[in-house]
């Protein structure tokens, strides 16, 4: 596996795991039901997309779609339930989506 692909997959998994703290902060800020749905879609989406990039056969063909779903969910979560630190997550979302689209 190429180093760039390995790094990209690991970064997506780490970004998905980072949504744990974003989800907890967002729960304190706003409504629990919407936060939970967006939180799960973004976390699981980025982790699954990363696994697909790393070669998990079930996810290999769907990783780009998963990045799209995860990014939209994440941007909604971070945008609706704003916190100043969420800016870093928004930037990461846009970069990961751009890499997925243009790779």
PDB file of N, CA and C in Angstrom:
ATOM      1  N   UNK A   1       0.857  -1.182   0.000  1.00  0.00           N
ATOM      2  CA  UNK A   1       0.000   0.000   0.000  1.00  0.00           C
ATOM      3  C   UNK A   1       0.895   1.235   0.000  1.00  0.00           C
ATOM      4  N   UNK A   2       0.507   2.194  -0.798  1.00  0.00           N
ATOM      5  CA  UNK A   2       1.292   3.424  -0.883  1.00  0.00           C
ATOM      6  C   UNK A   2       1.183   4.218   0.412  1.00  0.00           C
ATOM      7  N   UNK A   3       2.242   4.929   0.731  1.00  0.00           N
ATOM      8  CA  UNK A   3       2.295   5.708   1.968  1.00  0.00           C
ATOM      9  C   UNK A   3       1.198   6.766   2.021  1.00  0.00           C
ATOM     10  N   UNK A   4       0.933   7.451   0.906  1.00  0.00           N
ATOM     11  CA  UNK A   4      -0.096   8.488   0.868  1.00  0.00           C
ATOM     12  C   UNK A   4      -1.473   7.929   1.161  1.00  0.00           C
ATOM     13  N   UNK A   5      -1.777   6.766   0.595  1.00  0.00           N
ATOM     14  CA  UNK A   5      -3.078   6.119   0.820  1.00  0.00           C
ATOM     15  C   UNK A   5      -3.208   5.688   2.282  1.00  0.00           C
ATOM     16  N   UNK A   6      -2.152   5.125   2.827  1.00  0.00           N
ATOM     17  CA  UNK A   6      -2.147   4.712   4.224  1.00  0.00           C
ATOM     18  C   UNK A   6      -2.374   5.914   5.135  1.00  0.00           C
ATOM     19  N   UNK A   7      -1.659   6.982   4.883  1.00  0.00           N
ATOM     20  CA  UNK A   7      -1.797   8.191   5.692  1.00  0.00           C
ATOM     21  C   UNK A   7      -3.205   8.774   5.578  1.00  0.00           C
ATOM     22  N   UNK A   8      -3.741   8.830   4.362  1.00  0.00           N
ATOM     23  CA  UNK A   8      -5.088   9.360   4.152  1.00  0.00           C
ATOM     24  C   UNK A   8      -6.128   8.532   4.912  1.00  0.00           C
ATOM     25  N   UNK A   9      -6.023   7.220   4.841  1.00  0.00           N
ATOM     26  CA  UNK A   9      -6.957   6.355   5.563  1.00  0.00           C
ATOM     27  C   UNK A   9      -6.869   6.553   7.069  1.00  0.00           C
ATOM     28  N   UNK A  10      -5.661   6.642   7.589  1.00  0.00           N
ATOM     29  CA  UNK A  10      -5.475   6.833   9.028  1.00  0.00           C
ATOM     30  C   UNK A  10      -5.969   8.207   9.487  1.00  0.00           C
ATOM     31  N   UNK A  11      -5.761   9.235   8.668  1.00  0.00           N
ATOM     32  CA  UNK A  11      -6.241  10.574   9.017  1.00  0.00           C
ATOM     33  C   UNK A  11      -7.766  10.598   9.060  1.00  0.00           C
ATOM     34  N   UNK A  12      -8.411   9.915   8.115  1.00  0.00           N
ATOM     35  CA  UNK A  12      -9.881   9.875   8.149  1.00  0.00           C
ATOM     36  C   UNK A  12     -10.389   9.157   9.389  1.00  0.00           C
ATOM     37  N   UNK A  13      -9.752   8.075   9.750  1.00  0.00           N
ATOM     38  CA  UNK A  13     -10.161   7.362  10.962  1.00  0.00           C
ATOM     39  C   UNK A  13      -9.958   8.247  12.183  1.00  0.00           C
ATOM     40  N   UNK A  14      -8.827   8.925  12.264  1.00  0.00           N
ATOM     41  CA  UNK A  14      -8.564   9.832  13.393  1.00  0.00           C
ATOM     42  C   UNK A  14      -9.584  10.972  13.423  1.00  0.00           C
ATOM     43  N   UNK A  15      -9.937  11.495  12.255  1.00  0.00           N
ATOM     44  CA  UNK A  15     -10.933  12.574  12.196  1.00  0.00           C
ATOM     45  C   UNK A  15     -12.291  12.062  12.659  1.00  0.00           C
ATOM     46  N   UNK A  16     -12.649  10.856  12.268  1.00  0.00           N
ATOM     47  CA  UNK A  16     -13.898  10.261  12.747  1.00  0.00           C
ATOM     48  C   UNK A  16     -13.905  10.096  14.257  1.00  0.00           C
ATOM     49  N   UNK A  17     -12.781   9.674  14.805  1.00  0.00           N
ATOM     50  CA  UNK A  17     -12.674   9.525  16.265  1.00  0.00           C
ATOM     51  C   UNK A  17     -12.698  10.876  16.969  1.00  0.00           C
ATOM     52  N   UNK A  18     -12.173  11.903  16.313  1.00  0.00           N
ATOM     53  CA  UNK A  18     -12.176  13.248  16.906  1.00  0.00           C
ATOM     54  C   UNK A  18     -13.595  13.787  17.063  1.00  0.00           C
ATOM     55  N   UNK A  19     -14.529  13.245  16.304  1.00  0.00           N
ATOM     56  CA  UNK A  19     -15.918  13.678  16.440  1.00  0.00           C
ATOM     57  C   UNK A  19     -16.517  13.276  17.792  1.00  0.00           C
ATOM     58  N   UNK A  20     -15.838  12.427  18.528  1.00  0.00           N
ATOM     59  CA  UNK A  20     -16.323  12.081  19.864  1.00  0.00           C
ATOM     60  C   UNK A  20     -16.384  13.327  20.746  1.00  0.00           C
ATOM     61  N   UNK A  21     -15.324  14.121  20.723  1.00  0.00           N
ATOM     62  CA  UNK A  21     -15.336  15.335  21.550  1.00  0.00           C
ATOM     63  C   UNK A  21     -16.294  16.371  20.978  1.00  0.00           C
ATOM     64  N   UNK A  22     -16.341  16.498  19.645  1.00  0.00           N
ATOM     65  CA  UNK A  22     -17.268  17.458  19.036  1.00  0.00           C
ATOM     66  C   UNK A  22     -18.708  17.110  19.368  1.00  0.00           C
ATOM     67  N   UNK A  23     -19.028  15.840  19.335  1.00  0.00           N
ATOM     68  CA  UNK A  23     -20.384  15.402  19.662  1.00  0.00           C
ATOM     69  C   UNK A  23     -20.748  15.679  21.106  1.00  0.00           C
ATOM     70  N   UNK A  24     -19.807  15.485  22.009  1.00  0.00           N
ATOM     71  CA  UNK A  24     -20.087  15.761  23.425  1.00  0.00           C
ATOM     72  C   UNK A  24     -20.289  17.250  23.663  1.00  0.00           C
ATOM     73  N   UNK A  25     -19.464  18.084  23.036  1.00  0.00           N
ATOM     74  CA  UNK A  25     -19.631  19.532  23.177  1.00  0.00           C
ATOM     75  C   UNK A  25     -20.947  19.980  22.568  1.00  0.00           C
ATOM     76  N   UNK A  26     -21.278  19.440  21.409  1.00  0.00           N
ATOM     77  CA  UNK A  26     -22.513  19.830  20.733  1.00  0.00           C
ATOM     78  C   UNK A  26     -23.739  19.405  21.536  1.00  0.00           C
ATOM     79  N   UNK A  27     -23.655  18.278  22.217  1.00  0.00           N
ATOM     80  CA  UNK A  27     -24.775  17.824  23.050  1.00  0.00           C
ATOM     81  C   UNK A  27     -25.047  18.825  24.158  1.00  0.00           C
ATOM     82  N   UNK A  28     -24.001  19.402  24.720  1.00  0.00           N
ATOM     83  CA  UNK A  28     -24.174  20.415  25.767  1.00  0.00           C
ATOM     84  C   UNK A  28     -24.760  21.707  25.205  1.00  0.00           C
ATOM     85  N   UNK A  29     -24.495  21.997  23.927  1.00  0.00           N
ATOM     86  CA  UNK A  29     -24.943  23.239  23.308  1.00  0.00           C
ATOM     87  C   UNK A  29     -26.386  23.153  22.843  1.00  0.00           C
ATOM     88  N   UNK A  30     -26.779  22.025  22.228  1.00  0.00           N
ATOM     89  CA  UNK A  30     -28.088  21.982  21.580  1.00  0.00           C
ATOM     90  C   UNK A  30     -28.853  20.707  21.815  1.00  0.00           C
ATOM     91  N   UNK A  31     -29.811  20.487  20.937  1.00  0.00           N
ATOM     92  CA  UNK A  31     -30.723  19.353  21.043  1.00  0.00           C
ATOM     93  C   UNK A  31     -30.036  18.015  20.868  1.00  0.00           C
ATOM     94  N   UNK A  32     -30.348  17.112  21.734  1.00  0.00           N
ATOM     95  CA  UNK A  32     -29.664  15.835  21.784  1.00  0.00           C
ATOM     96  C   UNK A  32     -29.986  14.929  20.591  1.00  0.00           C
ATOM     97  N   UNK A  33     -31.213  14.913  20.107  1.00  0.00           N
ATOM     98  CA  UNK A  33     -31.578  13.993  19.021  1.00  0.00           C
ATOM     99  C   UNK A  33     -30.840  14.308  17.728  1.00  0.00           C
ATOM    100  N   UNK A  34     -30.889  15.561  17.296  1.00  0.00           N
ATOM    101  CA  UNK A  34     -30.207  15.945  16.062  1.00  0.00           C
ATOM    102  C   UNK A  34     -28.696  15.796  16.200  1.00  0.00           C
ATOM    103  N   UNK A  35     -28.166  16.178  17.337  1.00  0.00           N
ATOM    104  CA  UNK A  35     -26.718  16.037  17.568  1.00  0.00           C
ATOM    105  C   UNK A  35     -26.312  14.576  17.423  1.00  0.00           C
ATOM    106  N   UNK A  36     -27.073  13.679  18.017  1.00  0.00           N
ATOM    107  CA  UNK A  36     -26.732  12.260  17.989  1.00  0.00           C
ATOM    108  C   UNK A  36     -26.729  11.718  16.566  1.00  0.00           C
ATOM    109  N   UNK A  37     -27.730  12.071  15.776  1.00  0.00           N
ATOM    110  CA  UNK A  37     -27.799  11.587  14.395  1.00  0.00           C
ATOM    111  C   UNK A  37     -26.611  12.100  13.584  1.00  0.00           C
ATOM    112  N   UNK A  38     -26.353  13.406  13.656  1.00  0.00           N
ATOM    113  CA  UNK A  38     -25.245  13.989  12.890  1.00  0.00           C
ATOM    114  C   UNK A  38     -23.898  13.470  13.375  1.00  0.00           C
ATOM    115  N   UNK A  39     -23.776  13.322  14.676  1.00  0.00           N
ATOM    116  CA  UNK A  39     -22.555  12.828  15.294  1.00  0.00           C
ATOM    117  C   UNK A  39     -22.242  11.410  14.807  1.00  0.00           C
ATOM    118  N   UNK A  40     -23.252  10.542  14.838  1.00  0.00           N
ATOM    119  CA  UNK A  40     -23.037   9.160  14.416  1.00  0.00           C
ATOM    120  C   UNK A  40     -22.713   9.066  12.926  1.00  0.00           C
ATOM    121  N   UNK A  41     -23.451   9.809  12.103  1.00  0.00           N
ATOM    122  CA  UNK A  41     -23.184   9.769  10.667  1.00  0.00           C
ATOM    123  C   UNK A  41     -21.778  10.245  10.337  1.00  0.00           C
ATOM    124  N   UNK A  42     -21.345  11.305  10.996  1.00  0.00           N
ATOM    125  CA  UNK A  42     -20.005  11.822  10.694  1.00  0.00           C
ATOM    126  C   UNK A  42     -18.917  10.902  11.247  1.00  0.00           C
ATOM    127  N   UNK A  43     -19.056  10.459  12.471  1.00  0.00           N
ATOM    128  CA  UNK A  43     -18.031   9.587  13.067  1.00  0.00           C
ATOM    129  C   UNK A  43     -17.905   8.271  12.316  1.00  0.00           C
ATOM    130  N   UNK A  44     -19.023   7.584  12.181  1.00  0.00           N
ATOM    131  CA  UNK A  44     -19.001   6.274  11.523  1.00  0.00           C
ATOM    132  C   UNK A  44     -18.632   6.419  10.044  1.00  0.00           C
ATOM    133  N   UNK A  45     -19.116   7.494   9.414  1.00  0.00           N
ATOM    134  CA  UNK A  45     -18.798   7.714   8.005  1.00  0.00           C
ATOM    135  C   UNK A  45     -17.317   7.879   7.752  1.00  0.00           C
ATOM    136  N   UNK A  46     -16.659   8.724   8.544  1.00  0.00           N
ATOM    137  CA  UNK A  46     -15.220   8.925   8.350  1.00  0.00           C
ATOM    138  C   UNK A  46     -14.414   7.672   8.711  1.00  0.00           C
ATOM    139  N   UNK A  47     -14.809   6.984   9.764  1.00  0.00           N
ATOM    140  CA  UNK A  47     -14.089   5.761  10.144  1.00  0.00           C
ATOM    141  C   UNK A  47     -14.259   4.691   9.074  1.00  0.00           C
ATOM    142  N   UNK A  48     -15.484   4.527   8.563  1.00  0.00           N
ATOM    143  CA  UNK A  48     -15.732   3.527   7.516  1.00  0.00           C
ATOM    144  C   UNK A  48     -15.009   3.906   6.224  1.00  0.00           C
ATOM    145  N   UNK A  49     -15.012   5.190   5.874  1.00  0.00           N
ATOM    146  CA  UNK A  49     -14.306   5.631   4.670  1.00  0.00           C
ATOM    147  C   UNK A  49     -12.812   5.359   4.806  1.00  0.00           C
ATOM    148  N   UNK A  50     -12.258   5.642   5.975  1.00  0.00           N
ATOM    149  CA  UNK A  50     -10.847   5.353   6.210  1.00  0.00           C
ATOM    150  C   UNK A  50     -10.542   3.873   6.086  1.00  0.00           C
ATOM    151  N   UNK A  51     -11.438   3.049   6.603  1.00  0.00           N
ATOM    152  CA  UNK A  51     -11.256   1.598   6.485  1.00  0.00           C
ATOM    153  C   UNK A  51     -11.317   1.169   5.019  1.00  0.00           C
ATOM    154  N   UNK A  52     -12.208   1.789   4.248  1.00  0.00           N
ATOM    155  CA  UNK A  52     -12.295   1.483   2.825  1.00  0.00           C
ATOM    156  C   UNK A  52     -11.023   1.851   2.082  1.00  0.00           C
ATOM    157  N   UNK A  53     -10.472   3.017   2.401  1.00  0.00           N
ATOM    158  CA  UNK A  53      -9.211   3.434   1.781  1.00  0.00           C
ATOM    159  C   UNK A  53      -8.090   2.468   2.147  1.00  0.00           C
ATOM    160  N   UNK A  54      -8.133   1.956   3.360  1.00  0.00           N
ATOM    161  CA  UNK A  54      -7.090   1.023   3.811  1.00  0.00           C
ATOM    162  C   UNK A  54      -7.268  -0.387   3.259  1.00  0.00           C
ATOM    163  N   UNK A  55      -8.400  -0.625   2.554  1.00  0.00           N
ATOM    164  CA  UNK A  55      -8.544  -1.903   1.860  1.00  0.00           C
ATOM    165  C   UNK A  55      -9.601  -2.849   2.377  1.00  0.00           C
ATOM    166  N   UNK A  56     -10.448  -2.440   3.307  1.00  0.00           N
ATOM    167  CA  UNK A  56     -11.529  -3.321   3.761  1.00  0.00           C
ATOM    168  C   UNK A  56     -12.467  -3.531   2.570  1.00  0.00           C
ATOM    169  N   UNK A  57     -12.575  -4.784   2.119  1.00  0.00           N
ATOM    170  CA  UNK A  57     -13.227  -5.077   0.841  1.00  0.00           C
ATOM    171  C   UNK A  57     -14.672  -4.590   0.755  1.00  0.00           C
ATOM    172  N   UNK A  58     -15.444  -4.696   1.808  1.00  0.00           N
ATOM    173  CA  UNK A  58     -16.848  -4.279   1.790  1.00  0.00           C
ATOM    174  C   UNK A  58     -16.972  -2.764   1.581  1.00  0.00           C
ATOM    175  N   UNK A  59     -15.993  -2.010   2.041  1.00  0.00           N
ATOM    176  CA  UNK A  59     -16.040  -0.547   1.993  1.00  0.00           C
ATOM    177  C   UNK A  59     -15.185   0.062   0.892  1.00  0.00           C
ATOM    178  N   UNK A  60     -14.396  -0.736   0.222  1.00  0.00           N
ATOM    179  CA  UNK A  60     -13.432  -0.225  -0.749  1.00  0.00           C
ATOM    180  C   UNK A  60     -14.090   0.578  -1.873  1.00  0.00           C
ATOM    181  N   UNK A  61     -15.215   0.132  -2.380  1.00  0.00           N
ATOM    182  CA  UNK A  61     -15.872   0.822  -3.495  1.00  0.00           C
ATOM    183  C   UNK A  61     -16.750   1.976  -3.050  1.00  0.00           C
ATOM    184  N   UNK A  62     -17.051   2.067  -1.772  1.00  0.00           N
ATOM    185  CA  UNK A  62     -17.993   3.069  -1.279  1.00  0.00           C
ATOM    186  C   UNK A  62     -17.344   4.186  -0.465  1.00  0.00           C
ATOM    187  N   UNK A  63     -16.022   4.192  -0.348  1.00  0.00           N
ATOM    188  CA  UNK A  63     -15.392   5.132   0.573  1.00  0.00           C
ATOM    189  C   UNK A  63     -15.627   6.581   0.179  1.00  0.00           C
ATOM    190  N   UNK A  64     -15.675   6.907  -1.109  1.00  0.00           N
ATOM    191  CA  UNK A  64     -15.908   8.301  -1.518  1.00  0.00           C
ATOM    192  C   UNK A  64     -17.313   8.765  -1.125  1.00  0.00           C
ATOM    193  N   UNK A  65     -18.295   7.902  -1.310  1.00  0.00           N
ATOM    194  CA  UNK A  65     -19.663   8.242  -0.892  1.00  0.00           C
ATOM    195  C   UNK A  65     -19.730   8.434   0.617  1.00  0.00           C
ATOM    196  N   UNK A  66     -19.018   7.596   1.338  1.00  0.00           N
ATOM    197  CA  UNK A  66     -18.997   7.708   2.796  1.00  0.00           C
ATOM    198  C   UNK A  66     -18.364   9.020   3.242  1.00  0.00           C
ATOM    199  N   UNK A  67     -17.317   9.455   2.547  1.00  0.00           N
ATOM    200  CA  UNK A  67     -16.705  10.745   2.874  1.00  0.00           C
ATOM    201  C   UNK A  67     -17.708  11.867   2.637  1.00  0.00           C
ATOM    202  N   UNK A  68     -18.466  11.788   1.559  1.00  0.00           N
ATOM    203  CA  UNK A  68     -19.479  12.806   1.276  1.00  0.00           C
ATOM    204  C   UNK A  68     -20.546  12.879   2.356  1.00  0.00           C
ATOM    205  N   UNK A  69     -21.078  11.735   2.743  1.00  0.00           N
ATOM    206  CA  UNK A  69     -22.102  11.692   3.802  1.00  0.00           C
ATOM    207  C   UNK A  69     -21.524  12.192   5.114  1.00  0.00           C
ATOM    208  N   UNK A  70     -20.333  11.733   5.448  1.00  0.00           N
ATOM    209  CA  UNK A  70     -19.697  12.141   6.703  1.00  0.00           C
ATOM    210  C   UNK A  70     -19.415  13.635   6.722  1.00  0.00           C
ATOM    211  N   UNK A  71     -18.970  14.174   5.592  1.00  0.00           N
ATOM    212  CA  UNK A  71     -18.650  15.603   5.530  1.00  0.00           C
ATOM    213  C   UNK A  71     -19.903  16.454   5.695  1.00  0.00           C
ATOM    214  N   UNK A  72     -20.969  16.114   4.990  1.00  0.00           N
ATOM    215  CA  UNK A  72     -22.221  16.879   5.121  1.00  0.00           C
ATOM    216  C   UNK A  72     -22.724  16.821   6.562  1.00  0.00           C
ATOM    217  N   UNK A  73     -22.711  15.641   7.154  1.00  0.00           N
ATOM    218  CA  UNK A  73     -23.156  15.495   8.547  1.00  0.00           C
ATOM    219  C   UNK A  73     -22.280  16.289   9.497  1.00  0.00           C
ATOM    220  N   UNK A  74     -20.980  16.215   9.285  1.00  0.00           N
ATOM    221  CA  UNK A  74     -20.043  16.929  10.138  1.00  0.00           C
ATOM    222  C   UNK A  74     -20.215  18.440  10.018  1.00  0.00           C
ATOM    223  N   UNK A  75     -20.342  18.933   8.774  1.00  0.00           N
ATOM    224  CA  UNK A  75     -20.514  20.378   8.586  1.00  0.00           C
ATOM    225  C   UNK A  75     -21.814  20.869   9.227  1.00  0.00           C
ATOM    226  N   UNK A  76     -22.860  20.076   9.134  1.00  0.00           N
ATOM    227  CA  UNK A  76     -24.118  20.445   9.806  1.00  0.00           C
ATOM    228  C   UNK A  76     -23.938  20.450  11.322  1.00  0.00           C
ATOM    229  N   UNK A  77     -23.311  19.415  11.842  1.00  0.00           N
ATOM    230  CA  UNK A  77     -23.070  19.327  13.283  1.00  0.00           C
ATOM    231  C   UNK A  77     -22.237  20.505  13.777  1.00  0.00           C
ATOM    232  N   UNK A  78     -21.135  20.756  13.099  1.00  0.00           N
ATOM    233  CA  UNK A  78     -20.224  21.804  13.541  1.00  0.00           C
ATOM    234  C   UNK A  78     -20.776  23.203  13.264  1.00  0.00           C
ATOM    235  N   UNK A  79     -21.597  23.316  12.226  1.00  0.00           N
ATOM    236  CA  UNK A  79     -22.175  24.619  11.890  1.00  0.00           C
ATOM    237  C   UNK A  79     -23.357  24.996  12.769  1.00  0.00           C
ATOM    238  N   UNK A  80     -24.229  24.048  13.005  1.00  0.00           N
ATOM    239  CA  UNK A  80     -25.433  24.332  13.805  1.00  0.00           C
ATOM    240  C   UNK A  80     -25.081  24.522  15.277  1.00  0.00           C
ATOM    241  N   UNK A  81     -24.242  23.657  15.777  1.00  0.00           N
ATOM    242  CA  UNK A  81     -23.896  23.682  17.200  1.00  0.00           C
ATOM    243  C   UNK A  81     -22.480  24.223  17.357  1.00  0.00           C
ATOM    244  N   UNK A  82     -22.301  25.453  16.916  1.00  0.00           N
ATOM    245  CA  UNK A  82     -20.984  26.061  16.813  1.00  0.00           C
ATOM    246  C   UNK A  82     -20.230  26.221  18.117  1.00  0.00           C
ATOM    247  N   UNK A  83     -18.955  26.054  18.010  1.00  0.00           N
ATOM    248  CA  UNK A  83     -17.990  26.275  19.079  1.00  0.00           C
ATOM    249  C   UNK A  83     -16.733  26.772  18.372  1.00  0.00           C
ATOM    250  N   UNK A  84     -16.011  27.709  18.941  1.00  0.00           N
ATOM    251  CA  UNK A  84     -14.834  28.253  18.246  1.00  0.00           C
ATOM    252  C   UNK A  84     -13.821  27.200  17.777  1.00  0.00           C
ATOM    253  N   UNK A  85     -13.652  26.137  18.529  1.00  0.00           N
ATOM    254  CA  UNK A  85     -12.693  25.098  18.137  1.00  0.00           C
ATOM    255  C   UNK A  85     -13.167  24.275  16.944  1.00  0.00           C
ATOM    256  N   UNK A  86     -14.444  24.349  16.620  1.00  0.00           N
ATOM    257  CA  UNK A  86     -14.980  23.571  15.514  1.00  0.00           C
ATOM    258  C   UNK A  86     -14.448  24.045  14.162  1.00  0.00           C
ATOM    259  N   UNK A  87     -13.853  25.223  14.118  1.00  0.00           N
ATOM    260  CA  UNK A  87     -13.281  25.738  12.867  1.00  0.00           C
ATOM    261  C   UNK A  87     -12.238  24.762  12.321  1.00  0.00           C
ATOM    262  N   UNK A  88     -11.443  24.177  13.192  1.00  0.00           N
ATOM    263  CA  UNK A  88     -10.424  23.216  12.764  1.00  0.00           C
ATOM    264  C   UNK A  88     -11.072  21.985  12.141  1.00  0.00           C
ATOM    265  N   UNK A  89     -12.171  21.534  12.710  1.00  0.00           N
ATOM    266  CA  UNK A  89     -12.901  20.397  12.162  1.00  0.00           C
ATOM    267  C   UNK A  89     -13.514  20.705  10.811  1.00  0.00           C
ATOM    268  N   UNK A  90     -14.026  21.921  10.658  1.00  0.00           N
ATOM    269  CA  UNK A  90     -14.612  22.320   9.377  1.00  0.00           C
ATOM    270  C   UNK A  90     -13.540  22.335   8.291  1.00  0.00           C
ATOM    271  N   UNK A  91     -12.375  22.872   8.610  1.00  0.00           N
ATOM    272  CA  UNK A  91     -11.261  22.894   7.652  1.00  0.00           C
ATOM    273  C   UNK A  91     -10.859  21.465   7.288  1.00  0.00           C
ATOM    274  N   UNK A  92     -10.762  20.594   8.278  1.00  0.00           N
ATOM    275  CA  UNK A  92     -10.401  19.195   8.030  1.00  0.00           C
ATOM    276  C   UNK A  92     -11.448  18.515   7.147  1.00  0.00           C
ATOM    277  N   UNK A  93     -12.732  18.787   7.399  1.00  0.00           N
ATOM    278  CA  UNK A  93     -13.803  18.218   6.569  1.00  0.00           C
ATOM    279  C   UNK A  93     -13.628  18.588   5.105  1.00  0.00           C
ATOM    280  N   UNK A  94     -13.410  19.869   4.857  1.00  0.00           N
ATOM    281  CA  UNK A  94     -13.293  20.369   3.484  1.00  0.00           C
ATOM    282  C   UNK A  94     -12.058  19.768   2.799  1.00  0.00           C
ATOM    283  N   UNK A  95     -10.960  19.674   3.513  1.00  0.00           N
ATOM    284  CA  UNK A  95      -9.737  19.098   2.935  1.00  0.00           C
ATOM    285  C   UNK A  95      -9.935  17.622   2.606  1.00  0.00           C
ATOM    286  N   UNK A  96     -10.526  16.863   3.527  1.00  0.00           N
ATOM    287  CA  UNK A  96     -10.745  15.434   3.277  1.00  0.00           C
ATOM    288  C   UNK A  96     -11.698  15.220   2.104  1.00  0.00           C
ATOM    289  N   UNK A  97     -12.745  16.031   2.025  1.00  0.00           N
ATOM    290  CA  UNK A  97     -13.676  15.911   0.910  1.00  0.00           C
ATOM    291  C   UNK A  97     -12.979  16.248  -0.413  1.00  0.00           C
ATOM    292  N   UNK A  98     -12.168  17.295  -0.415  1.00  0.00           N
ATOM    293  CA  UNK A  98     -11.444  17.681  -1.639  1.00  0.00           C
ATOM    294  C   UNK A  98     -10.509  16.562  -2.099  1.00  0.00           C
ATOM    295  N   UNK A  99      -9.813  15.959  -1.167  1.00  0.00           N
ATOM    296  CA  UNK A  99      -8.922  14.850  -1.518  1.00  0.00           C
ATOM    297  C   UNK A  99      -9.720  13.683  -2.087  1.00  0.00           C
ATOM    298  N   UNK A 100     -10.867  13.388  -1.471  1.00  0.00           N
ATOM    299  CA  UNK A 100     -11.703  12.284  -1.945  1.00  0.00           C
ATOM    300  C   UNK A 100     -12.245  12.553  -3.348  1.00  0.00           C
ATOM    301  N   UNK A 101     -12.640  13.768  -3.604  1.00  0.00           N
ATOM    302  CA  UNK A 101     -13.226  14.121  -4.908  1.00  0.00           C
ATOM    303  C   UNK A 101     -12.160  14.133  -6.000  1.00  0.00           C
ATOM    304  N   UNK A 102     -11.009  14.682  -5.698  1.00  0.00           N
ATOM    305  CA  UNK A 102      -9.996  14.885  -6.728  1.00  0.00           C
ATOM    306  C   UNK A 102      -8.921  13.794  -6.800  1.00  0.00           C
ATOM    307  N   UNK A 103      -9.064  12.744  -6.017  1.00  0.00           N
ATOM    308  CA  UNK A 103      -8.057  11.665  -6.083  1.00  0.00           C
ATOM    309  C   UNK A 103      -8.488  10.549  -7.010  1.00  0.00           C
TER     310      UNK A 103
END
